[in-house]
């Protein structure tokens, strides 16, 4: 959208949907919301205790500044590194 390759007619604000939470599942796992930041996920006591590899991978994968903004669902405005993305005449694969 920054480069006007995608120009949607409508955008939906999902901030009020509660997708920024980490909670237990009935099966004993964790449900991680799409808008949970990587910092919140890596520092959650349950993740650190039960999913230590995940916590360590998140911390090793990016700086604190990126972890504070990045979410588990990603960033819709992120510039992709795929060269075909920048050419609106190419089919997105």
PDB file of N, CA and C in Angstrom:
ATOM      1  N   UNK A   1       0.829  -1.185   0.000  1.00  0.00           N
ATOM      2  CA  UNK A   1       0.000   0.000   0.000  1.00  0.00           C
ATOM      3  C   UNK A   1       0.874   1.250   0.000  1.00  0.00           C
ATOM      4  N   UNK A   2       2.042   1.180   0.622  1.00  0.00           N
ATOM      5  CA  UNK A   2       2.926   2.341   0.628  1.00  0.00           C
ATOM      6  C   UNK A   2       3.342   2.721  -0.784  1.00  0.00           C
ATOM      7  N   UNK A   3       3.534   1.724  -1.612  1.00  0.00           N
ATOM      8  CA  UNK A   3       3.973   1.973  -2.984  1.00  0.00           C
ATOM      9  C   UNK A   3       2.806   2.001  -3.963  1.00  0.00           C
ATOM     10  N   UNK A   4       1.588   1.966  -3.430  1.00  0.00           N
ATOM     11  CA  UNK A   4       0.354   1.985  -4.209  1.00  0.00           C
ATOM     12  C   UNK A   4       0.244   0.812  -5.180  1.00  0.00           C
ATOM     13  N   UNK A   5       0.876  -0.307  -4.808  1.00  0.00           N
ATOM     14  CA  UNK A   5       0.709  -1.530  -5.588  1.00  0.00           C
ATOM     15  C   UNK A   5      -0.624  -2.162  -5.216  1.00  0.00           C
ATOM     16  N   UNK A   6      -0.986  -2.056  -3.947  1.00  0.00           N
ATOM     17  CA  UNK A   6      -2.299  -2.472  -3.466  1.00  0.00           C
ATOM     18  C   UNK A   6      -3.049  -1.217  -3.040  1.00  0.00           C
ATOM     19  N   UNK A   7      -4.265  -1.054  -3.547  1.00  0.00           N
ATOM     20  CA  UNK A   7      -5.086   0.104  -3.171  1.00  0.00           C
ATOM     21  C   UNK A   7      -6.494  -0.371  -2.832  1.00  0.00           C
ATOM     22  N   UNK A   8      -6.659  -0.972  -1.667  1.00  0.00           N
ATOM     23  CA  UNK A   8      -7.978  -1.491  -1.292  1.00  0.00           C
ATOM     24  C   UNK A   8      -8.997  -0.371  -1.124  1.00  0.00           C
ATOM     25  N   UNK A   9     -10.240  -0.696  -1.418  1.00  0.00           N
ATOM     26  CA  UNK A   9     -11.309   0.287  -1.236  1.00  0.00           C
ATOM     27  C   UNK A   9     -11.640   0.482   0.234  1.00  0.00           C
ATOM     28  N   UNK A  10     -11.436  -0.556   1.026  1.00  0.00           N
ATOM     29  CA  UNK A  10     -11.789  -0.492   2.445  1.00  0.00           C
ATOM     30  C   UNK A  10     -10.667  -1.106   3.278  1.00  0.00           C
ATOM     31  N   UNK A  11     -10.473  -0.578   4.458  1.00  0.00           N
ATOM     32  CA  UNK A  11      -9.587  -1.152   5.457  1.00  0.00           C
ATOM     33  C   UNK A  11     -10.413  -1.377   6.713  1.00  0.00           C
ATOM     34  N   UNK A  12     -10.122  -2.447   7.400  1.00  0.00           N
ATOM     35  CA  UNK A  12     -10.860  -2.774   8.616  1.00  0.00           C
ATOM     36  C   UNK A  12      -9.909  -2.694   9.798  1.00  0.00           C
ATOM     37  N   UNK A  13     -10.286  -1.934  10.799  1.00  0.00           N
ATOM     38  CA  UNK A  13      -9.499  -1.809  12.019  1.00  0.00           C
ATOM     39  C   UNK A  13      -9.800  -2.999  12.917  1.00  0.00           C
ATOM     40  N   UNK A  14      -8.811  -3.845  13.143  1.00  0.00           N
ATOM     41  CA  UNK A  14      -9.006  -5.037  13.961  1.00  0.00           C
ATOM     42  C   UNK A  14      -8.454  -4.869  15.374  1.00  0.00           C
ATOM     43  N   UNK A  15      -8.059  -3.648  15.733  1.00  0.00           N
ATOM     44  CA  UNK A  15      -7.458  -3.416  17.041  1.00  0.00           C
ATOM     45  C   UNK A  15      -8.389  -3.746  18.206  1.00  0.00           C
ATOM     46  N   UNK A  16      -9.682  -3.646  18.031  1.00  0.00           N
ATOM     47  CA  UNK A  16     -10.607  -3.903  19.127  1.00  0.00           C
ATOM     48  C   UNK A  16     -11.072  -5.342  19.245  1.00  0.00           C
ATOM     49  N   UNK A  17     -10.492  -6.250  18.495  1.00  0.00           N
ATOM     50  CA  UNK A  17     -10.955  -7.639  18.492  1.00  0.00           C
ATOM     51  C   UNK A  17     -10.308  -8.526  19.549  1.00  0.00           C
ATOM     52  N   UNK A  18      -9.420  -7.975  20.346  1.00  0.00           N
ATOM     53  CA  UNK A  18      -8.785  -8.775  21.400  1.00  0.00           C
ATOM     54  C   UNK A  18      -7.750  -9.757  20.872  1.00  0.00           C
ATOM     55  N   UNK A  19      -7.162  -9.455  19.730  1.00  0.00           N
ATOM     56  CA  UNK A  19      -6.173 -10.356  19.135  1.00  0.00           C
ATOM     57  C   UNK A  19      -4.770 -10.133  19.686  1.00  0.00           C
ATOM     58  N   UNK A  20      -4.672  -9.342  20.736  1.00  0.00           N
ATOM     59  CA  UNK A  20      -3.377  -9.036  21.338  1.00  0.00           C
ATOM     60  C   UNK A  20      -3.174  -9.774  22.659  1.00  0.00           C
ATOM     61  N   UNK A  21      -3.809 -10.919  22.777  1.00  0.00           N
ATOM     62  CA  UNK A  21      -3.776 -11.668  24.035  1.00  0.00           C
ATOM     63  C   UNK A  21      -3.175 -13.059  23.842  1.00  0.00           C
ATOM     64  N   UNK A  22      -2.599 -13.574  24.915  1.00  0.00           N
ATOM     65  CA  UNK A  22      -2.106 -14.939  24.977  1.00  0.00           C
ATOM     66  C   UNK A  22      -2.918 -15.627  26.054  1.00  0.00           C
ATOM     67  N   UNK A  23      -3.548 -16.734  25.727  1.00  0.00           N
ATOM     68  CA  UNK A  23      -4.388 -17.406  26.708  1.00  0.00           C
ATOM     69  C   UNK A  23      -4.300 -18.917  26.593  1.00  0.00           C
ATOM     70  N   UNK A  24      -4.699 -19.618  27.648  1.00  0.00           N
ATOM     71  CA  UNK A  24      -4.644 -21.082  27.629  1.00  0.00           C
ATOM     72  C   UNK A  24      -5.755 -21.676  26.764  1.00  0.00           C
ATOM     73  N   UNK A  25      -5.469 -22.841  26.205  1.00  0.00           N
ATOM     74  CA  UNK A  25      -6.493 -23.600  25.480  1.00  0.00           C
ATOM     75  C   UNK A  25      -6.985 -24.735  26.366  1.00  0.00           C
ATOM     76  N   UNK A  26      -8.110 -25.313  26.015  1.00  0.00           N
ATOM     77  CA  UNK A  26      -8.650 -26.440  26.775  1.00  0.00           C
ATOM     78  C   UNK A  26      -7.725 -27.650  26.734  1.00  0.00           C
ATOM     79  N   UNK A  27      -6.925 -27.748  25.671  1.00  0.00           N
ATOM     80  CA  UNK A  27      -6.032 -28.896  25.506  1.00  0.00           C
ATOM     81  C   UNK A  27      -4.696 -28.709  26.229  1.00  0.00           C
ATOM     82  N   UNK A  28      -4.529 -27.577  26.917  1.00  0.00           N
ATOM     83  CA  UNK A  28      -3.305 -27.355  27.673  1.00  0.00           C
ATOM     84  C   UNK A  28      -2.249 -26.556  26.939  1.00  0.00           C
ATOM     85  N   UNK A  29      -2.542 -26.100  25.739  1.00  0.00           N
ATOM     86  CA  UNK A  29      -1.595 -25.281  24.995  1.00  0.00           C
ATOM     87  C   UNK A  29      -1.867 -23.810  25.194  1.00  0.00           C
ATOM     88  N   UNK A  30      -1.381 -23.016  24.280  1.00  0.00           N
ATOM     89  CA  UNK A  30      -1.604 -21.574  24.331  1.00  0.00           C
ATOM     90  C   UNK A  30      -2.217 -21.102  23.028  1.00  0.00           C
ATOM     91  N   UNK A  31      -3.159 -20.199  23.144  1.00  0.00           N
ATOM     92  CA  UNK A  31      -3.708 -19.514  21.969  1.00  0.00           C
ATOM     93  C   UNK A  31      -3.034 -18.146  21.923  1.00  0.00           C
ATOM     94  N   UNK A  32      -2.326 -17.911  20.820  1.00  0.00           N
ATOM     95  CA  UNK A  32      -1.558 -16.674  20.662  1.00  0.00           C
ATOM     96  C   UNK A  32      -2.270 -15.809  19.639  1.00  0.00           C
ATOM     97  N   UNK A  33      -2.719 -14.655  20.054  1.00  0.00           N
ATOM     98  CA  UNK A  33      -3.429 -13.751  19.170  1.00  0.00           C
ATOM     99  C   UNK A  33      -2.529 -13.203  18.080  1.00  0.00           C
ATOM    100  N   UNK A  34      -3.121 -12.887  16.953  1.00  0.00           N
ATOM    101  CA  UNK A  34      -2.380 -12.417  15.781  1.00  0.00           C
ATOM    102  C   UNK A  34      -1.667 -11.100  16.034  1.00  0.00           C
ATOM    103  N   UNK A  35      -2.144 -10.316  16.979  1.00  0.00           N
ATOM    104  CA  UNK A  35      -1.546  -9.001  17.221  1.00  0.00           C
ATOM    105  C   UNK A  35      -0.651  -8.967  18.467  1.00  0.00           C
ATOM    106  N   UNK A  36      -0.311 -10.136  18.987  1.00  0.00           N
ATOM    107  CA  UNK A  36       0.630 -10.200  20.105  1.00  0.00           C
ATOM    108  C   UNK A  36       2.006  -9.826  19.570  1.00  0.00           C
ATOM    109  N   UNK A  37       2.646  -8.877  20.221  1.00  0.00           N
ATOM    110  CA  UNK A  37       3.980  -8.497  19.761  1.00  0.00           C
ATOM    111  C   UNK A  37       4.974  -9.612  20.075  1.00  0.00           C
ATOM    112  N   UNK A  38       6.045  -9.627  19.302  1.00  0.00           N
ATOM    113  CA  UNK A  38       7.076 -10.633  19.544  1.00  0.00           C
ATOM    114  C   UNK A  38       7.706 -10.449  20.917  1.00  0.00           C
ATOM    115  N   UNK A  39       7.810  -9.215  21.389  1.00  0.00           N
ATOM    116  CA  UNK A  39       8.338  -8.969  22.724  1.00  0.00           C
ATOM    117  C   UNK A  39       7.428  -9.592  23.780  1.00  0.00           C
ATOM    118  N   UNK A  40       6.127  -9.366  23.661  1.00  0.00           N
ATOM    119  CA  UNK A  40       5.182  -9.929  24.630  1.00  0.00           C
ATOM    120  C   UNK A  40       5.200 -11.451  24.588  1.00  0.00           C
ATOM    121  N   UNK A  41       5.307 -12.013  23.397  1.00  0.00           N
ATOM    122  CA  UNK A  41       5.315 -13.471  23.270  1.00  0.00           C
ATOM    123  C   UNK A  41       6.585 -14.054  23.882  1.00  0.00           C
ATOM    124  N   UNK A  42       7.733 -13.493  23.560  1.00  0.00           N
ATOM    125  CA  UNK A  42       8.997 -14.029  24.066  1.00  0.00           C
ATOM    126  C   UNK A  42       9.131 -13.880  25.576  1.00  0.00           C
ATOM    127  N   UNK A  43       8.500 -12.856  26.139  1.00  0.00           N
ATOM    128  CA  UNK A  43       8.654 -12.618  27.580  1.00  0.00           C
ATOM    129  C   UNK A  43       7.518 -13.194  28.426  1.00  0.00           C
ATOM    130  N   UNK A  44       6.504 -13.757  27.787  1.00  0.00           N
ATOM    131  CA  UNK A  44       5.396 -14.343  28.539  1.00  0.00           C
ATOM    132  C   UNK A  44       5.925 -15.509  29.386  1.00  0.00           C
ATOM    133  N   UNK A  45       5.605 -15.538  30.677  1.00  0.00           N
ATOM    134  CA  UNK A  45       6.134 -16.597  31.555  1.00  0.00           C
ATOM    135  C   UNK A  45       5.761 -18.006  31.090  1.00  0.00           C
ATOM    136  N   UNK A  46       4.575 -18.180  30.552  1.00  0.00           N
ATOM    137  CA  UNK A  46       4.161 -19.515  30.078  1.00  0.00           C
ATOM    138  C   UNK A  46       4.967 -19.936  28.860  1.00  0.00           C
ATOM    139  N   UNK A  47       5.231 -18.991  27.978  1.00  0.00           N
ATOM    140  CA  UNK A  47       6.025 -19.300  26.786  1.00  0.00           C
ATOM    141  C   UNK A  47       7.452 -19.616  27.201  1.00  0.00           C
ATOM    142  N   UNK A  48       8.011 -18.815  28.091  1.00  0.00           N
ATOM    143  CA  UNK A  48       9.386 -19.050  28.553  1.00  0.00           C
ATOM    144  C   UNK A  48       9.513 -20.399  29.244  1.00  0.00           C
ATOM    145  N   UNK A  49       8.496 -20.776  30.019  1.00  0.00           N
ATOM    146  CA  UNK A  49       8.551 -22.030  30.765  1.00  0.00           C
ATOM    147  C   UNK A  49       8.296 -23.242  29.869  1.00  0.00           C
ATOM    148  N   UNK A  50       7.247 -23.184  29.046  1.00  0.00           N
ATOM    149  CA  UNK A  50       6.809 -24.364  28.295  1.00  0.00           C
ATOM    150  C   UNK A  50       7.289 -24.406  26.850  1.00  0.00           C
ATOM    151  N   UNK A  51       7.670 -23.255  26.316  1.00  0.00           N
ATOM    152  CA  UNK A  51       8.089 -23.169  24.914  1.00  0.00           C
ATOM    153  C   UNK A  51       9.360 -22.340  24.819  1.00  0.00           C
ATOM    154  N   UNK A  52      10.360 -22.742  25.578  1.00  0.00           N
ATOM    155  CA  UNK A  52      11.602 -21.990  25.672  1.00  0.00           C
ATOM    156  C   UNK A  52      12.300 -21.780  24.335  1.00  0.00           C
ATOM    157  N   UNK A  53      12.226 -22.782  23.467  1.00  0.00           N
ATOM    158  CA  UNK A  53      12.872 -22.639  22.159  1.00  0.00           C
ATOM    159  C   UNK A  53      12.214 -21.515  21.376  1.00  0.00           C
ATOM    160  N   UNK A  54      10.909 -21.403  21.439  1.00  0.00           N
ATOM    161  CA  UNK A  54      10.202 -20.325  20.755  1.00  0.00           C
ATOM    162  C   UNK A  54      10.642 -18.975  21.303  1.00  0.00           C
ATOM    163  N   UNK A  55      10.689 -18.857  22.601  1.00  0.00           N
ATOM    164  CA  UNK A  55      11.096 -17.598  23.222  1.00  0.00           C
ATOM    165  C   UNK A  55      12.508 -17.215  22.797  1.00  0.00           C
ATOM    166  N   UNK A  56      13.426 -18.172  22.845  1.00  0.00           N
ATOM    167  CA  UNK A  56      14.809 -17.885  22.463  1.00  0.00           C
ATOM    168  C   UNK A  56      14.938 -17.560  20.975  1.00  0.00           C
ATOM    169  N   UNK A  57      14.168 -18.223  20.136  1.00  0.00           N
ATOM    170  CA  UNK A  57      14.221 -17.961  18.696  1.00  0.00           C
ATOM    171  C   UNK A  57      13.746 -16.550  18.381  1.00  0.00           C
ATOM    172  N   UNK A  58      12.696 -16.119  19.043  1.00  0.00           N
ATOM    173  CA  UNK A  58      12.189 -14.755  18.814  1.00  0.00           C
ATOM    174  C   UNK A  58      13.239 -13.728  19.208  1.00  0.00           C
ATOM    175  N   UNK A  59      13.847 -13.925  20.368  1.00  0.00           N
ATOM    176  CA  UNK A  59      14.862 -12.980  20.852  1.00  0.00           C
ATOM    177  C   UNK A  59      16.075 -12.977  19.921  1.00  0.00           C
ATOM    178  N   UNK A  60      16.455 -14.140  19.413  1.00  0.00           N
ATOM    179  CA  UNK A  60      17.624 -14.235  18.533  1.00  0.00           C
ATOM    180  C   UNK A  60      17.339 -13.701  17.131  1.00  0.00           C
ATOM    181  N   UNK A  61      16.066 -13.627  16.757  1.00  0.00           N
ATOM    182  CA  UNK A  61      15.714 -13.306  15.386  1.00  0.00           C
ATOM    183  C   UNK A  61      15.614 -11.835  15.050  1.00  0.00           C
ATOM    184  N   UNK A  62      15.578 -10.966  16.043  1.00  0.00           N
ATOM    185  CA  UNK A  62      15.392  -9.541  15.735  1.00  0.00           C
ATOM    186  C   UNK A  62      15.822  -8.694  16.919  1.00  0.00           C
ATOM    187  N   UNK A  63      16.070  -7.431  16.634  1.00  0.00           N
ATOM    188  CA  UNK A  63      16.434  -6.493  17.695  1.00  0.00           C
ATOM    189  C   UNK A  63      15.207  -6.189  18.557  1.00  0.00           C
ATOM    190  N   UNK A  64      15.449  -5.600  19.710  1.00  0.00           N
ATOM    191  CA  UNK A  64      14.360  -5.217  20.593  1.00  0.00           C
ATOM    192  C   UNK A  64      13.375  -4.263  19.932  1.00  0.00           C
ATOM    193  N   UNK A  65      13.882  -3.341  19.140  1.00  0.00           N
ATOM    194  CA  UNK A  65      13.000  -2.391  18.455  1.00  0.00           C
ATOM    195  C   UNK A  65      12.049  -3.109  17.515  1.00  0.00           C
ATOM    196  N   UNK A  66      12.564  -4.074  16.765  1.00  0.00           N
ATOM    197  CA  UNK A  66      11.694  -4.826  15.856  1.00  0.00           C
ATOM    198  C   UNK A  66      10.716  -5.702  16.622  1.00  0.00           C
ATOM    199  N   UNK A  67      11.187  -6.367  17.672  1.00  0.00           N
ATOM    200  CA  UNK A  67      10.301  -7.230  18.465  1.00  0.00           C
ATOM    201  C   UNK A  67       9.166  -6.439  19.103  1.00  0.00           C
ATOM    202  N   UNK A  68       9.427  -5.177  19.453  1.00  0.00           N
ATOM    203  CA  UNK A  68       8.394  -4.350  20.076  1.00  0.00           C
ATOM    204  C   UNK A  68       7.264  -4.016  19.109  1.00  0.00           C
ATOM    205  N   UNK A  69       7.540  -3.994  17.827  1.00  0.00           N
ATOM    206  CA  UNK A  69       6.521  -3.648  16.822  1.00  0.00           C
ATOM    207  C   UNK A  69       5.995  -4.867  16.071  1.00  0.00           C
ATOM    208  N   UNK A  70       6.846  -5.847  15.837  1.00  0.00           N
ATOM    209  CA  UNK A  70       6.443  -7.019  15.053  1.00  0.00           C
ATOM    210  C   UNK A  70       5.431  -7.850  15.824  1.00  0.00           C
ATOM    211  N   UNK A  71       4.474  -8.404  15.101  1.00  0.00           N
ATOM    212  CA  UNK A  71       3.458  -9.257  15.715  1.00  0.00           C
ATOM    213  C   UNK A  71       3.520 -10.652  15.116  1.00  0.00           C
ATOM    214  N   UNK A  72       2.814 -11.578  15.741  1.00  0.00           N
ATOM    215  CA  UNK A  72       2.812 -12.948  15.240  1.00  0.00           C
ATOM    216  C   UNK A  72       2.167 -13.043  13.870  1.00  0.00           C
ATOM    217  N   UNK A  73       1.285 -12.134  13.536  1.00  0.00           N
ATOM    218  CA  UNK A  73       0.611 -12.172  12.234  1.00  0.00           C
ATOM    219  C   UNK A  73       1.377 -11.425  11.162  1.00  0.00           C
ATOM    220  N   UNK A  74       2.354 -10.640  11.537  1.00  0.00           N
ATOM    221  CA  UNK A  74       3.116  -9.908  10.545  1.00  0.00           C
ATOM    222  C   UNK A  74       2.615  -8.485  10.383  1.00  0.00           C
ATOM    223  N   UNK A  75       3.050  -7.881   9.322  1.00  0.00           N
ATOM    224  CA  UNK A  75       2.763  -6.482   9.090  1.00  0.00           C
ATOM    225  C   UNK A  75       2.259  -6.313   7.664  1.00  0.00           C
ATOM    226  N   UNK A  76       1.039  -5.882   7.514  1.00  0.00           N
ATOM    227  CA  UNK A  76       0.457  -5.733   6.185  1.00  0.00           C
ATOM    228  C   UNK A  76       1.135  -4.658   5.356  1.00  0.00           C
ATOM    229  N   UNK A  77       1.840  -3.750   5.991  1.00  0.00           N
ATOM    230  CA  UNK A  77       2.532  -2.694   5.259  1.00  0.00           C
ATOM    231  C   UNK A  77       4.018  -2.987   5.083  1.00  0.00           C
ATOM    232  N   UNK A  78       4.441  -4.173   5.481  1.00  0.00           N
ATOM    233  CA  UNK A  78       5.849  -4.520   5.357  1.00  0.00           C
ATOM    234  C   UNK A  78       6.256  -4.602   3.893  1.00  0.00           C
ATOM    235  N   UNK A  79       7.389  -4.045   3.589  1.00  0.00           N
ATOM    236  CA  UNK A  79       7.917  -4.157   2.230  1.00  0.00           C
ATOM    237  C   UNK A  79       8.514  -5.542   2.060  1.00  0.00           C
ATOM    238  N   UNK A  80       8.006  -6.251   1.118  1.00  0.00           N
ATOM    239  CA  UNK A  80       8.524  -7.589   0.876  1.00  0.00           C
ATOM    240  C   UNK A  80       9.859  -7.506   0.138  1.00  0.00           C
ATOM    241  N   UNK A  81      10.634  -8.534   0.260  1.00  0.00           N
ATOM    242  CA  UNK A  81      11.930  -8.573  -0.404  1.00  0.00           C
ATOM    243  C   UNK A  81      11.853  -9.267  -1.756  1.00  0.00           C
ATOM    244  N   UNK A  82      10.683  -9.710  -2.163  1.00  0.00           N
ATOM    245  CA  UNK A  82      10.523 -10.388  -3.446  1.00  0.00           C
ATOM    246  C   UNK A  82      10.427  -9.352  -4.558  1.00  0.00           C
ATOM    247  N   UNK A  83      11.290  -9.488  -5.543  1.00  0.00           N
ATOM    248  CA  UNK A  83      11.336  -8.480  -6.599  1.00  0.00           C
ATOM    249  C   UNK A  83      10.041  -8.409  -7.398  1.00  0.00           C
ATOM    250  N   UNK A  84       9.330  -9.529  -7.565  1.00  0.00           N
ATOM    251  CA  UNK A  84       8.097  -9.502  -8.353  1.00  0.00           C
ATOM    252  C   UNK A  84       7.004  -8.681  -7.682  1.00  0.00           C
ATOM    253  N   UNK A  85       7.109  -8.473  -6.381  1.00  0.00           N
ATOM    254  CA  UNK A  85       6.095  -7.709  -5.670  1.00  0.00           C
ATOM    255  C   UNK A  85       6.031  -6.273  -6.164  1.00  0.00           C
ATOM    256  N   UNK A  86       7.158  -5.711  -6.532  1.00  0.00           N
ATOM    257  CA  UNK A  86       7.218  -4.313  -6.927  1.00  0.00           C
ATOM    258  C   UNK A  86       6.700  -4.055  -8.337  1.00  0.00           C
ATOM    259  N   UNK A  87       6.493  -5.107  -9.112  1.00  0.00           N
ATOM    260  CA  UNK A  87       6.001  -4.949 -10.471  1.00  0.00           C
ATOM    261  C   UNK A  87       4.526  -5.314 -10.516  1.00  0.00           C
ATOM    262  N   UNK A  88       3.623  -4.335 -10.611  1.00  0.00           N
ATOM    263  CA  UNK A  88       2.184  -4.632 -10.592  1.00  0.00           C
ATOM    264  C   UNK A  88       1.716  -5.462 -11.783  1.00  0.00           C
ATOM    265  N   UNK A  89       2.553  -5.604 -12.811  1.00  0.00           N
ATOM    266  CA  UNK A  89       2.181  -6.406 -13.980  1.00  0.00           C
ATOM    267  C   UNK A  89       2.495  -7.887 -13.783  1.00  0.00           C
ATOM    268  N   UNK A  90       3.203  -8.228 -12.735  1.00  0.00           N
ATOM    269  CA  UNK A  90       3.547  -9.628 -12.442  1.00  0.00           C
ATOM    270  C   UNK A  90       2.513 -10.214 -11.491  1.00  0.00           C
ATOM    271  N   UNK A  91       2.171 -11.470 -11.707  1.00  0.00           N
ATOM    272  CA  UNK A  91       1.254 -12.165 -10.805  1.00  0.00           C
ATOM    273  C   UNK A  91       1.959 -12.447  -9.490  1.00  0.00           C
ATOM    274  N   UNK A  92       1.300 -12.189  -8.396  1.00  0.00           N
ATOM    275  CA  UNK A  92       1.873 -12.479  -7.080  1.00  0.00           C
ATOM    276  C   UNK A  92       1.791 -13.974  -6.834  1.00  0.00           C
ATOM    277  N   UNK A  93       2.895 -14.584  -6.428  1.00  0.00           N
ATOM    278  CA  UNK A  93       2.942 -16.028  -6.244  1.00  0.00           C
ATOM    279  C   UNK A  93       3.112 -16.367  -4.794  1.00  0.00           C
TER     280      UNK A  93
END
